[in-house]
Protein backbone atom coordinates (compact mmCIF):
# COMPACT_ATOMS: atom_id res chain seq x y z
CA UNK A 1 19.33 -18.65 -24.89
CA UNK A 2 22.94 -17.72 -25.71
CA UNK A 3 24.82 -14.48 -26.03
CA UNK A 4 26.88 -13.11 -28.89
CA UNK A 5 29.91 -10.92 -28.14
CA UNK A 6 31.18 -7.95 -30.07
CA UNK A 7 34.76 -7.32 -31.11
CA UNK A 8 35.64 -5.84 -27.71
CA UNK A 9 34.44 -8.95 -25.92
CA UNK A 10 31.28 -7.31 -24.48
CA UNK A 11 27.82 -8.74 -24.81
CA UNK A 12 26.12 -7.00 -27.71
CA UNK A 13 22.81 -8.79 -28.04
CA UNK A 14 20.93 -11.91 -27.10
CA UNK A 15 20.13 -14.66 -29.55
CA UNK A 16 17.17 -16.97 -29.68
CA UNK A 17 17.98 -19.96 -31.85
CA UNK A 18 19.75 -18.53 -34.89
CA UNK A 19 17.99 -15.23 -34.75
CA UNK A 20 19.48 -12.29 -32.83
CA UNK A 21 17.54 -9.74 -30.80
CA UNK A 22 18.68 -6.63 -28.92
CA UNK A 23 18.88 -7.15 -25.17
CA UNK A 24 16.00 -4.75 -24.46
CA UNK A 25 13.70 -6.77 -26.72
CA UNK A 26 14.64 -9.93 -24.86
CA UNK A 27 13.97 -8.21 -21.53
CA UNK A 28 10.49 -7.17 -22.66
CA UNK A 29 9.73 -10.75 -23.64
CA UNK A 30 10.41 -11.99 -20.11
CA UNK A 31 7.26 -12.47 -17.96
CA UNK A 32 9.21 -11.32 -14.88
CA UNK A 33 9.67 -7.89 -16.47
CA UNK A 34 5.92 -7.39 -16.72
CA UNK A 35 5.44 -8.72 -13.19
CA UNK A 36 7.89 -6.17 -11.80
CA UNK A 37 6.71 -3.23 -13.90
CA UNK A 38 3.00 -3.96 -14.36
CA UNK A 39 1.96 -0.98 -12.21
CA UNK A 40 4.26 1.47 -14.02
CA UNK A 41 3.21 0.29 -17.48
CA UNK A 42 -0.46 0.23 -16.47
CA UNK A 43 -0.27 3.72 -14.96
CA UNK A 44 1.34 5.14 -18.09
CA UNK A 45 -1.27 3.47 -20.28
CA UNK A 46 -4.14 4.85 -18.20
CA UNK A 47 -2.70 8.37 -18.22
CA UNK A 48 -2.40 8.31 -22.02
CA UNK A 49 -5.88 6.79 -22.48
CA UNK A 50 -7.71 9.20 -20.16
CA UNK A 51 -5.83 12.20 -21.54
CA UNK A 52 -7.03 11.32 -25.02
CA UNK A 53 -10.61 10.58 -23.97
CA UNK A 54 -10.92 13.45 -21.47
CA UNK A 55 -8.27 16.20 -21.81
CA UNK A 56 -9.35 17.72 -18.47
CA UNK A 57 -7.75 14.67 -16.85
CA UNK A 58 -4.26 16.07 -17.32
CA UNK A 59 -5.02 19.50 -15.89
CA UNK A 60 -3.30 20.65 -12.69
CA UNK A 61 -6.38 20.73 -10.41
CA UNK A 62 -7.42 17.21 -11.38
CA UNK A 63 -3.92 15.79 -10.98
CA UNK A 64 -3.62 17.43 -7.57
CA UNK A 65 -6.97 15.96 -6.48
CA UNK A 66 -5.93 12.56 -7.84
CA UNK A 67 -2.66 12.48 -5.93
CA UNK A 68 -4.31 13.65 -2.70
CA UNK A 69 -6.92 10.91 -3.09
CA UNK A 70 -4.12 8.36 -3.63
CA UNK A 71 -2.25 9.38 -0.46
CA UNK A 72 -4.26 7.25 1.97
CA UNK A 73 -4.06 4.18 -0.26
CA UNK A 74 -0.30 4.66 -0.72
CA UNK A 75 0.28 4.66 3.05
CA UNK A 76 -1.87 1.55 3.51
CA UNK A 77 -0.19 -0.24 0.61
CA UNK A 78 3.22 0.45 2.15
CA UNK A 79 2.07 -1.00 5.47
CA UNK A 80 0.57 -4.02 3.76
CA UNK A 81 3.85 -4.53 1.89
CA UNK A 82 5.78 -5.12 5.12
CA UNK A 83 3.30 -7.83 6.13
CA UNK A 84 3.18 -9.50 2.72
CA UNK A 85 6.98 -9.48 2.63
CA UNK A 86 6.76 -11.95 5.53
CA UNK A 87 4.27 -14.07 3.53
CA UNK A 88 1.37 -12.81 5.66
CA UNK A 89 -1.64 -10.56 5.17
CA UNK A 90 -3.36 -7.94 7.34
CA UNK A 91 -7.12 -8.04 6.93
CA UNK A 92 -7.67 -5.73 9.91
CA UNK A 93 -6.06 -2.71 8.24
CA UNK A 94 -9.31 -0.95 7.29
CA UNK A 95 -10.67 -1.44 10.81
CA UNK A 96 -7.44 0.03 12.22
CA UNK A 97 -8.00 3.13 10.10
CA UNK A 98 -11.53 3.46 11.48
CA UNK A 99 -10.42 3.03 15.10
CA UNK A 100 -7.51 5.44 14.63
CA UNK A 101 -9.88 8.07 13.27
CA UNK A 102 -12.30 7.57 16.17
CA UNK A 103 -9.52 7.81 18.76
CA UNK A 104 -8.28 10.98 17.09
CA UNK A 105 -11.75 12.49 17.11
CA UNK A 106 -12.56 11.55 20.72
CA UNK A 107 -9.25 12.75 22.18
CA UNK A 108 -9.31 16.01 20.23
CA UNK A 109 -12.88 16.74 21.25
CA UNK A 110 -11.90 15.96 24.86
CA UNK A 111 -9.52 18.91 24.74
CA UNK A 112 -6.27 17.19 23.79
CA UNK A 113 -3.79 19.08 21.67
CA UNK A 114 -4.08 17.89 18.05
CA UNK A 115 -0.48 16.68 18.05
CA UNK A 116 -1.05 14.44 21.08
CA UNK A 117 -4.37 13.27 19.62
CA UNK A 118 -2.65 12.22 16.39
CA UNK A 119 0.14 10.48 18.31
CA UNK A 120 -2.35 8.59 20.47
CA UNK A 121 -4.27 7.50 17.37
CA UNK A 122 -1.10 6.04 15.83
CA UNK A 123 -0.22 4.34 19.13
CA UNK A 124 -3.67 2.74 19.21
CA UNK A 125 -3.32 1.31 15.71
CA UNK A 126 0.25 0.17 16.46
CA UNK A 127 -1.17 -1.78 19.42
CA UNK A 128 -3.60 -3.53 17.08
CA UNK A 129 -0.78 -4.56 14.76
CA UNK A 130 1.40 -5.67 17.67
CA UNK A 131 -1.36 -7.87 19.12
CA UNK A 132 -1.99 -9.36 15.68
CA UNK A 133 1.68 -10.26 15.39
CA UNK A 134 1.84 -11.76 18.89
CA UNK A 135 -1.25 -13.92 18.31
CA UNK A 136 0.11 -15.15 14.98
CA UNK A 137 3.61 -15.97 16.23
CA UNK A 138 3.01 -17.05 19.83
CA UNK A 139 -0.40 -18.62 19.30
CA UNK A 140 0.65 -20.33 16.06
CA UNK A 141 -2.61 -19.18 14.48
CA UNK A 142 -2.79 -18.45 10.72
CA UNK A 143 -2.55 -14.75 9.94
CA UNK A 144 -5.74 -14.89 7.89
CA UNK A 145 -7.74 -16.09 10.91
CA UNK A 146 -6.15 -13.68 13.39
CA UNK A 147 -6.52 -10.55 11.27
CA UNK A 148 -10.03 -11.53 10.18
CA UNK A 149 -10.96 -11.81 13.85
CA UNK A 150 -9.26 -8.47 14.54
CA UNK A 151 -11.29 -6.90 11.76
CA UNK A 152 -14.49 -7.75 13.61
CA UNK A 153 -13.19 -7.01 17.12
CA UNK A 154 -11.68 -3.63 16.24
CA UNK A 155 -14.81 -2.63 14.33
CA UNK A 156 -16.90 -3.42 17.40
CA UNK A 157 -14.58 -1.47 19.70
CA UNK A 158 -14.78 1.53 17.38
CA UNK A 159 -18.57 1.44 17.38
CA UNK A 160 -18.69 1.16 21.18
CA UNK A 161 -16.28 4.09 21.70
CA UNK A 162 -18.09 6.34 19.25
CA UNK A 163 -21.62 5.19 20.03
CA UNK A 164 -22.07 4.83 16.29
CA UNK A 165 -21.94 8.60 15.84
CA UNK A 166 -19.42 10.61 13.80
CA UNK A 167 -17.19 13.07 15.65
CA UNK A 168 -16.47 16.37 13.93
CA UNK A 169 -12.83 17.39 14.25
CA UNK A 170 -12.11 21.11 14.06
CA UNK A 171 -8.38 21.72 13.75
CA UNK A 172 -6.44 24.39 11.89
CA UNK A 173 -3.54 21.97 11.59
CA UNK A 174 -5.67 19.32 9.89
CA UNK A 175 -7.30 21.94 7.69
CA UNK A 176 -3.90 23.12 6.46
CA UNK A 177 -2.81 19.52 6.04
CA UNK A 178 -5.81 18.76 3.84
CA UNK A 179 -5.68 21.93 1.72
CA UNK A 180 -1.98 22.83 1.58
CA UNK A 181 0.24 21.98 -1.37
CA UNK A 182 3.53 22.54 -3.14
CA UNK A 183 2.46 23.06 -6.72
CA UNK A 184 0.24 20.15 -7.67
CA UNK A 185 1.64 18.04 -4.83
CA UNK A 186 -0.75 18.23 -1.90
CA UNK A 187 0.57 17.83 1.64
CA UNK A 188 -1.17 14.44 2.10
CA UNK A 189 0.61 13.11 -0.99
CA UNK A 190 3.95 14.48 0.24
CA UNK A 191 3.41 12.76 3.60
CA UNK A 192 2.64 9.51 1.77
CA UNK A 193 5.85 9.91 -0.25
CA UNK A 194 7.81 10.50 2.97
CA UNK A 195 6.36 7.30 4.46
CA UNK A 196 7.31 5.41 1.29
CA UNK A 197 10.87 6.78 1.24
CA UNK A 198 11.49 5.96 4.90
CA UNK A 199 10.02 2.49 4.37
CA UNK A 200 12.26 1.89 1.35
CA UNK A 201 15.36 2.83 3.37
CA UNK A 202 14.30 0.62 6.29
CA UNK A 203 13.45 -2.35 4.08
CA UNK A 204 16.41 -2.29 1.71
CA UNK A 205 19.21 -0.46 3.52
CA UNK A 206 19.09 -1.81 7.07
CA UNK A 207 19.79 -5.14 8.74
CA UNK A 208 16.18 -5.16 9.93
CA UNK A 209 14.96 -5.08 6.34
CA UNK A 210 17.25 -7.93 5.31
CA UNK A 211 16.02 -10.04 8.21
CA UNK A 212 12.41 -9.20 7.42
CA UNK A 213 12.70 -10.31 3.79
CA UNK A 214 14.58 -13.44 4.84
CA UNK A 215 11.72 -14.27 7.21
CA UNK A 216 9.28 -14.23 4.31
CA UNK A 217 11.52 -15.81 1.71
CA UNK A 218 13.16 -18.73 3.51
CA UNK A 219 11.86 -18.89 7.07
CA UNK A 220 13.63 -22.11 8.07
CA UNK A 221 16.94 -20.90 6.67
CA UNK A 222 16.43 -17.56 8.42
CA UNK A 223 15.96 -19.35 11.75
CA UNK A 224 19.10 -21.39 11.18
CA UNK A 225 21.02 -18.14 10.68
CA UNK A 226 19.84 -16.85 14.03
CA UNK A 227 17.17 -14.49 12.74
CA UNK A 228 14.29 -14.15 15.17
CA UNK A 229 11.54 -14.66 12.65
CA UNK A 230 8.78 -14.32 15.24
CA UNK A 231 9.94 -10.84 16.23
CA UNK A 232 10.26 -9.89 12.57
CA UNK A 233 6.64 -10.82 11.93
CA UNK A 234 5.46 -8.92 15.01
CA UNK A 235 7.41 -5.89 13.79
CA UNK A 236 5.86 -6.15 10.33
CA UNK A 237 2.31 -6.15 11.70
CA UNK A 238 3.15 -3.29 14.07
CA UNK A 239 4.45 -1.23 11.14
CA UNK A 240 1.27 -2.05 9.24
CA UNK A 241 -0.73 -0.79 12.22
CA UNK A 242 1.32 2.42 12.33
CA UNK A 243 0.54 3.02 8.66
CA UNK A 244 -3.13 2.52 9.48
CA UNK A 245 -2.86 5.29 12.07
CA UNK A 246 -1.17 7.67 9.64
CA UNK A 247 -3.86 6.91 7.07
CA UNK A 248 -6.50 7.65 9.72
CA UNK A 249 -5.01 11.12 10.30
CA UNK A 250 -5.04 11.83 6.56
CA UNK A 251 -8.63 10.58 6.33
CA UNK A 252 -9.86 12.78 9.19
CA UNK A 253 -8.03 15.77 7.70
CA UNK A 254 -9.69 15.14 4.35
CA UNK A 255 -13.31 14.71 5.49
CA UNK A 256 -13.20 16.78 8.69
CA UNK A 257 -14.69 14.11 10.94
CA UNK A 258 -14.12 10.67 12.42
CA UNK A 259 -16.67 8.30 10.90
CA UNK A 260 -17.47 5.03 12.72
CA UNK A 261 -17.83 3.16 9.44
CA UNK A 262 -15.35 0.75 7.93
CA UNK A 263 -14.34 1.19 4.30
CA UNK A 264 -13.55 -2.31 3.04
CA UNK A 265 -12.35 -0.82 -0.24
CA UNK A 266 -9.31 0.48 1.64
CA UNK A 267 -8.38 -3.07 2.62
CA UNK A 268 -9.07 -4.63 -0.76
CA UNK A 269 -7.32 -1.88 -2.70
CA UNK A 270 -4.28 -1.96 -0.41
CA UNK A 271 -3.79 -5.63 -1.24
CA UNK A 272 -4.52 -4.92 -4.90
CA UNK A 273 -1.89 -2.17 -5.00
CA UNK A 274 0.69 -4.55 -3.52
CA UNK A 275 -0.17 -7.21 -6.12
CA UNK A 276 0.03 -4.66 -8.93
CA UNK A 277 3.37 -3.52 -7.52
CA UNK A 278 4.96 -6.91 -8.10
CA UNK A 279 5.36 -7.93 -4.44
CA UNK A 280 5.40 -11.70 -4.15
CA UNK A 281 2.50 -13.04 -2.10
CA UNK A 282 4.86 -15.85 -1.05
CA UNK A 283 7.04 -13.33 0.77
CA UNK A 284 10.67 -12.28 0.53
CA UNK A 285 10.47 -10.37 -2.75
CA UNK A 286 9.16 -6.97 -3.73
CA UNK A 287 9.68 -3.24 -3.51
CA UNK A 288 8.11 -0.10 -2.07
CA UNK A 289 7.97 1.79 -5.37
CA UNK A 290 5.81 -0.90 -6.99
CA UNK A 291 2.93 -0.71 -4.47
CA UNK A 292 3.12 3.11 -4.51
CA UNK A 293 2.67 3.10 -8.28
CA UNK A 294 -0.02 0.44 -7.90
CA UNK A 295 -1.95 2.69 -5.50
CA UNK A 296 -1.65 5.65 -7.86
CA UNK A 297 -2.73 3.44 -10.76
CA UNK A 298 -5.90 2.28 -8.98
CA UNK A 299 -6.75 5.86 -8.00
CA UNK A 300 -6.10 7.00 -11.57
CA UNK A 301 -8.45 4.32 -12.88
CA UNK A 302 -11.28 5.44 -10.59
CA UNK A 303 -10.60 9.12 -11.30
CA UNK A 304 -10.61 8.60 -15.06
CA UNK A 305 -13.76 6.49 -15.06
CA UNK A 306 -15.50 9.13 -12.94
CA UNK A 307 -14.52 11.85 -15.42
CA UNK A 308 -15.92 9.68 -18.20
CA UNK A 309 -19.20 9.45 -16.25
CA UNK A 310 -18.90 5.68 -15.87
CA UNK A 311 -21.26 4.45 -13.15
CA UNK A 312 -19.65 3.73 -9.78
CA UNK A 313 -21.26 0.29 -9.99
CA UNK A 314 -18.91 -0.67 -12.83
CA UNK A 315 -15.72 0.75 -11.33
CA UNK A 316 -15.04 -2.18 -8.92
CA UNK A 317 -15.33 -4.54 -11.89
CA UNK A 318 -12.58 -2.65 -13.74
CA UNK A 319 -10.37 -2.65 -10.63
CA UNK A 320 -10.92 -6.37 -10.09
CA UNK A 321 -10.10 -7.25 -13.69
CA UNK A 322 -6.81 -5.35 -13.52
CA UNK A 323 -5.84 -7.05 -10.27
CA UNK A 324 -6.59 -10.53 -11.65
CA UNK A 325 -4.51 -9.75 -14.75
CA UNK A 326 -1.62 -8.64 -12.52
CA UNK A 327 -1.92 -11.82 -10.45
CA UNK A 328 -1.76 -13.94 -13.60
CA UNK A 329 1.46 -12.17 -14.60
CA UNK A 330 2.92 -12.60 -11.09
CA UNK A 331 2.65 -16.38 -11.25
CA UNK A 332 5.82 -16.29 -13.38
CA UNK A 333 7.83 -14.64 -10.61
CA UNK A 334 8.57 -17.83 -8.72
């Protein structure tokens, strides 16, 4: 591929062989473009499709409900992004959400102030992430094995603490959190956006973020530069755990109780959102905006199919097909 220059010496358009194309056409023809923007293009396509098929989709109440429903997945996708940036994966994330919710419910029902109960829930999930990171780095155990084991262990701990019974959480703060909004933007969605913005700043505008991405991209080179890759991985899993705690608070606020059941869809969809967002599963490359849009896209798909009265049995098939298509596009990123 060569470039032609205009009379002022600037690049006017790209050429392929003897035929000339505008630069934007050439960009669209690159597989990497679709890998980076698959979630945005897919989200736009779904919005247009569902608006045509079901005009109620685009109404304010439905959009508000959609964004609130996406909030939990956005937070989890952001946490998963930090781990995948280091070329790892956190399979214990859904169990962390369950344990965080149970800790919140038990402490609040024991008379704790709701603020302290929420803080303790996040601390508990941070501890899970920290221990995952320590086992992976110090024990030299594959992240898949460690977090898979944590998934089972944390689930068991949650069941023991709760006795297998849900704990109703009555809190004016959580009620306002679940029902409050600014226009069509519910408070849970605004909190998710705040988590995403802070994460973007940390990942792309701090030395920590540079070291974290270097750990995932070129680990040996990162070590030679003096980057403590082990500590970076521990930090990534701890951040993932913290996001699990925040998601647990949003979940309890939404349903009004702490349920001792694990929702594996949260785990699978958090990974799916990251894949749709163009984050490299090999580490070292990605964004925060991509997974956020990926999470909204997956929620939009489920919301639209529900409005169209498509059976819930078919919805996972649609989600899985989209994720596989995104993965096929991502293979061109390397």
